[in-house]
Amino acid sequence: MKMRTVLKGVLGVAVTVAATAVIPAGPAQAAYVCSKGEVCLYEHYDRTGSVFVVPFGKNGMGKISDFRAYTFFNGTNLNDKVSSIDNRSDHLLTLYSNVDLKGPYQRIYANTKFSFSGLRFPNELKNDQSSSLQVTG
């Protein structure tokens, strides 16, 4: 009788493990949807992946001189990792390839979505090339 009980237990565990292996994983987490008034930087192309919401001053303007001091929500450092942007603010956003607002830059106008490809304009920043930003009137 003991052997039969042990076999039932082992068989039950095996069936549970096999069933678990067949169940597909759930859908990937949806990307953050940028709200009106926010400027959102995304880790991946076409506003996907982890996000960083730019903190504004009281007047809705400000700057981040060095992306190395900031991370996306998932903990990945922001520097040279921005692939797309959703500027839902009424302000002009300028991203720079170097720290301290220096080097080649890319302007993202108010209420504009943008993915970096480096192919549309001669001096367009390429994917994963931004290191600082400024939000102005």
C-alpha atoms as a PDB file:
ATOM      1  CA  MET A   1       0.000   0.000   0.000  1.00  0.00           C
ATOM      2  CA  LYS A   2       2.854   2.379   0.794  1.00  0.00           C
ATOM      3  CA  MET A   3       4.435   1.867  -2.636  1.00  0.00           C
ATOM      4  CA  ARG A   4       1.130   2.665  -4.348  1.00  0.00           C
ATOM      5  CA  THR A   5       0.793   5.935  -2.368  1.00  0.00           C
ATOM      6  CA  VAL A   6       4.358   6.940  -3.224  1.00  0.00           C
ATOM      7  CA  LEU A   7       3.790   6.221  -6.930  1.00  0.00           C
ATOM      8  CA  LYS A   8       0.589   8.304  -6.931  1.00  0.00           C
ATOM      9  CA  GLY A   9       2.476  11.201  -5.358  1.00  0.00           C
ATOM     10  CA  VAL A  10       5.338  10.988  -7.855  1.00  0.00           C
ATOM     11  CA  LEU A  11       2.902  10.720 -10.768  1.00  0.00           C
ATOM     12  CA  GLY A  12       0.957  13.747  -9.496  1.00  0.00           C
ATOM     13  CA  VAL A  13       4.122  15.841  -9.315  1.00  0.00           C
ATOM     14  CA  ALA A  14       5.182  14.752 -12.822  1.00  0.00           C
ATOM     15  CA  VAL A  15       1.790  15.699 -14.286  1.00  0.00           C
ATOM     16  CA  THR A  16       1.905  19.100 -12.553  1.00  0.00           C
ATOM     17  CA  VAL A  17       5.412  19.822 -13.856  1.00  0.00           C
ATOM     18  CA  ALA A  18       4.475  18.757 -17.401  1.00  0.00           C
ATOM     19  CA  ALA A  19       1.326  20.908 -17.382  1.00  0.00           C
ATOM     20  CA  THR A  20       3.295  23.911 -16.167  1.00  0.00           C
ATOM     21  CA  ALA A  21       5.793  23.534 -19.008  1.00  0.00           C
ATOM     22  CA  VAL A  22       2.980  23.599 -21.593  1.00  0.00           C
ATOM     23  CA  ILE A  23       1.261  26.759 -20.312  1.00  0.00           C
ATOM     24  CA  PRO A  24       2.430  29.714 -22.446  1.00  0.00           C
ATOM     25  CA  ALA A  25       3.860  32.818 -20.834  1.00  0.00           C
ATOM     26  CA  GLY A  26       1.537  35.792 -20.441  1.00  0.00           C
ATOM     27  CA  PRO A  27       1.716  38.789 -22.751  1.00  0.00           C
ATOM     28  CA  ALA A  28       4.653  41.174 -22.434  1.00  0.00           C
ATOM     29  CA  GLN A  29       4.104  44.207 -20.266  1.00  0.00           C
ATOM     30  CA  ALA A  30       2.597  47.052 -22.287  1.00  0.00           C
ATOM     31  CA  ALA A  31       4.750  50.119 -22.815  1.00  0.00           C
ATOM     32  CA  TYR A  32       4.085  53.150 -20.646  1.00  0.00           C
ATOM     33  CA  VAL A  33       1.637  55.549 -22.277  1.00  0.00           C
ATOM     34  CA  CYS A  34       2.922  59.096 -21.964  1.00  0.00           C
ATOM     35  CA  SER A  35       0.292  61.460 -20.513  1.00  0.00           C
ATOM     36  CA  LYS A  36      -0.557  64.968 -21.699  1.00  0.00           C
ATOM     37  CA  GLY A  37       2.089  67.397 -20.451  1.00  0.00           C
ATOM     38  CA  GLU A  38       4.811  64.734 -20.059  1.00  0.00           C
ATOM     39  CA  VAL A  39       8.024  64.153 -21.976  1.00  0.00           C
ATOM     40  CA  CYS A  40       8.817  60.433 -22.081  1.00  0.00           C
ATOM     41  CA  LEU A  41      12.090  58.871 -23.209  1.00  0.00           C
ATOM     42  CA  TYR A  42      11.892  55.201 -24.223  1.00  0.00           C
ATOM     43  CA  GLU A  43      14.585  52.563 -24.229  1.00  0.00           C
ATOM     44  CA  HIS A  44      13.457  51.008 -27.518  1.00  0.00           C
ATOM     45  CA  TYR A  45      12.260  52.098 -30.953  1.00  0.00           C
ATOM     46  CA  ASP A  46       8.641  53.198 -31.501  1.00  0.00           C
ATOM     47  CA  ARG A  47       8.003  54.082 -27.829  1.00  0.00           C
ATOM     48  CA  THR A  48       8.492  50.593 -26.431  1.00  0.00           C
ATOM     49  CA  GLY A  49      10.570  49.175 -23.621  1.00  0.00           C
ATOM     50  CA  SER A  50      11.247  50.911 -20.350  1.00  0.00           C
ATOM     51  CA  VAL A  51      10.536  54.614 -19.886  1.00  0.00           C
ATOM     52  CA  PHE A  52      11.957  57.704 -18.202  1.00  0.00           C
ATOM     53  CA  VAL A  53       9.564  60.605 -17.590  1.00  0.00           C
ATOM     54  CA  VAL A  54      11.497  63.892 -17.669  1.00  0.00           C
ATOM     55  CA  PRO A  55      11.036  65.860 -14.419  1.00  0.00           C
ATOM     56  CA  PHE A  56      10.068  69.476 -15.086  1.00  0.00           C
ATOM     57  CA  GLY A  57      10.585  72.670 -13.136  1.00  0.00           C
ATOM     58  CA  LYS A  58       7.604  74.777 -12.071  1.00  0.00           C
ATOM     59  CA  ASN A  59       7.498  76.510 -15.458  1.00  0.00           C
ATOM     60  CA  GLY A  60       7.593  73.210 -17.353  1.00  0.00           C
ATOM     61  CA  MET A  61      11.161  73.772 -18.490  1.00  0.00           C
ATOM     62  CA  GLY A  62      14.532  72.502 -17.390  1.00  0.00           C
ATOM     63  CA  LYS A  63      17.561  70.469 -18.354  1.00  0.00           C
ATOM     64  CA  ILE A  64      19.402  67.257 -17.612  1.00  0.00           C
ATOM     65  CA  SER A  65      23.095  67.907 -18.197  1.00  0.00           C
ATOM     66  CA  ASP A  66      24.253  64.310 -17.805  1.00  0.00           C
ATOM     67  CA  PHE A  67      22.134  61.212 -18.485  1.00  0.00           C
ATOM     68  CA  ARG A  68      24.640  59.044 -16.577  1.00  0.00           C
ATOM     69  CA  ALA A  69      22.949  60.147 -13.342  1.00  0.00           C
ATOM     70  CA  TYR A  70      19.506  58.830 -14.441  1.00  0.00           C
ATOM     71  CA  THR A  71      17.908  55.472 -15.224  1.00  0.00           C
ATOM     72  CA  PHE A  72      14.885  54.126 -17.019  1.00  0.00           C
ATOM     73  CA  PHE A  73      12.189  52.577 -14.829  1.00  0.00           C
ATOM     74  CA  ASN A  74      13.826  49.139 -15.249  1.00  0.00           C
ATOM     75  CA  GLY A  75      17.151  50.418 -13.841  1.00  0.00           C
ATOM     76  CA  THR A  76      19.049  50.668 -17.153  1.00  0.00           C
ATOM     77  CA  ASN A  77      21.191  53.791 -17.337  1.00  0.00           C
ATOM     78  CA  LEU A  78      19.783  56.488 -19.629  1.00  0.00           C
ATOM     79  CA  ASN A  79      23.099  57.526 -21.206  1.00  0.00           C
ATOM     80  CA  ASP A  80      23.339  56.511 -24.870  1.00  0.00           C
ATOM     81  CA  LYS A  81      20.218  54.327 -24.525  1.00  0.00           C
ATOM     82  CA  VAL A  82      17.321  56.543 -25.697  1.00  0.00           C
ATOM     83  CA  SER A  83      15.680  55.138 -28.844  1.00  0.00           C
ATOM     84  CA  SER A  84      12.386  57.011 -29.037  1.00  0.00           C
ATOM     85  CA  ILE A  85      10.511  59.928 -27.495  1.00  0.00           C
ATOM     86  CA  ASP A  86       6.965  61.063 -26.887  1.00  0.00           C
ATOM     87  CA  ASN A  87       6.923  64.812 -26.241  1.00  0.00           C
ATOM     88  CA  ARG A  88       3.361  65.379 -24.997  1.00  0.00           C
ATOM     89  CA  SER A  89       4.286  68.802 -23.595  1.00  0.00           C
ATOM     90  CA  ASP A  90       3.844  72.252 -25.098  1.00  0.00           C
ATOM     91  CA  HIS A  91       7.627  72.778 -25.023  1.00  0.00           C
ATOM     92  CA  LEU A  92      10.569  72.253 -27.345  1.00  0.00           C
ATOM     93  CA  LEU A  93      12.849  69.374 -26.351  1.00  0.00           C
ATOM     94  CA  THR A  94      16.473  69.334 -27.518  1.00  0.00           C
ATOM     95  CA  LEU A  95      18.616  66.223 -27.016  1.00  0.00           C
ATOM     96  CA  TYR A  96      22.404  66.411 -27.286  1.00  0.00           C
ATOM     97  CA  SER A  97      24.897  63.666 -28.084  1.00  0.00           C
ATOM     98  CA  ASN A  98      27.295  64.823 -25.347  1.00  0.00           C
ATOM     99  CA  VAL A  99      26.911  65.769 -21.695  1.00  0.00           C
ATOM    100  CA  ASP A 100      26.494  69.421 -20.696  1.00  0.00           C
ATOM    101  CA  LEU A 101      24.201  70.168 -23.671  1.00  0.00           C
ATOM    102  CA  LYS A 102      27.055  69.892 -26.184  1.00  0.00           C
ATOM    103  CA  GLY A 103      27.665  68.197 -29.493  1.00  0.00           C
ATOM    104  CA  PRO A 104      25.244  67.378 -32.285  1.00  0.00           C
ATOM    105  CA  TYR A 105      21.621  67.768 -31.259  1.00  0.00           C
ATOM    106  CA  GLN A 106      18.105  66.757 -32.212  1.00  0.00           C
ATOM    107  CA  ARG A 107      15.047  68.957 -31.671  1.00  0.00           C
ATOM    108  CA  ILE A 108      11.744  67.327 -30.807  1.00  0.00           C
ATOM    109  CA  TYR A 109       8.897  69.789 -31.173  1.00  0.00           C
ATOM    110  CA  ALA A 110       5.891  70.059 -28.847  1.00  0.00           C
ATOM    111  CA  ASN A 111       3.359  67.226 -29.065  1.00  0.00           C
ATOM    112  CA  THR A 112       5.582  65.094 -31.308  1.00  0.00           C
ATOM    113  CA  LYS A 113       6.511  61.394 -31.291  1.00  0.00           C
ATOM    114  CA  PHE A 114       9.959  60.502 -32.599  1.00  0.00           C
ATOM    115  CA  SER A 115      12.085  57.377 -33.074  1.00  0.00           C
ATOM    116  CA  PHE A 116      15.804  57.732 -33.753  1.00  0.00           C
ATOM    117  CA  SER A 117      16.958  56.170 -36.999  1.00  0.00           C
ATOM    118  CA  GLY A 118      19.656  58.569 -38.182  1.00  0.00           C
ATOM    119  CA  LEU A 119      18.225  58.293 -41.689  1.00  0.00           C
ATOM    120  CA  ARG A 120      15.759  61.168 -42.106  1.00  0.00           C
ATOM    121  CA  PHE A 121      18.015  64.215 -41.812  1.00  0.00           C
ATOM    122  CA  PRO A 122      21.741  64.696 -42.515  1.00  0.00           C
ATOM    123  CA  ASN A 123      22.583  65.632 -38.907  1.00  0.00           C
ATOM    124  CA  GLU A 124      19.939  63.578 -37.100  1.00  0.00           C
ATOM    125  CA  LEU A 125      21.108  61.865 -33.929  1.00  0.00           C
ATOM    126  CA  LYS A 126      21.264  58.118 -34.267  1.00  0.00           C
ATOM    127  CA  ASN A 127      19.717  55.539 -31.994  1.00  0.00           C
ATOM    128  CA  ASP A 128      21.290  55.296 -28.512  1.00  0.00           C
ATOM    129  CA  GLN A 129      23.314  58.495 -28.896  1.00  0.00           C
ATOM    130  CA  SER A 130      21.757  61.013 -26.454  1.00  0.00           C
ATOM    131  CA  SER A 131      23.578  62.156 -23.306  1.00  0.00           C
ATOM    132  CA  SER A 132      21.791  65.354 -22.191  1.00  0.00           C
ATOM    133  CA  LEU A 133      18.633  67.348 -22.859  1.00  0.00           C
ATOM    134  CA  GLN A 134      17.003  70.729 -22.458  1.00  0.00           C
ATOM    135  CA  VAL A 135      13.315  71.665 -22.404  1.00  0.00           C
ATOM    136  CA  THR A 136      12.624  75.253 -23.467  1.00  0.00           C
ATOM    137  CA  GLY A 137       9.679  77.523 -24.355  1.00  0.00           C
END
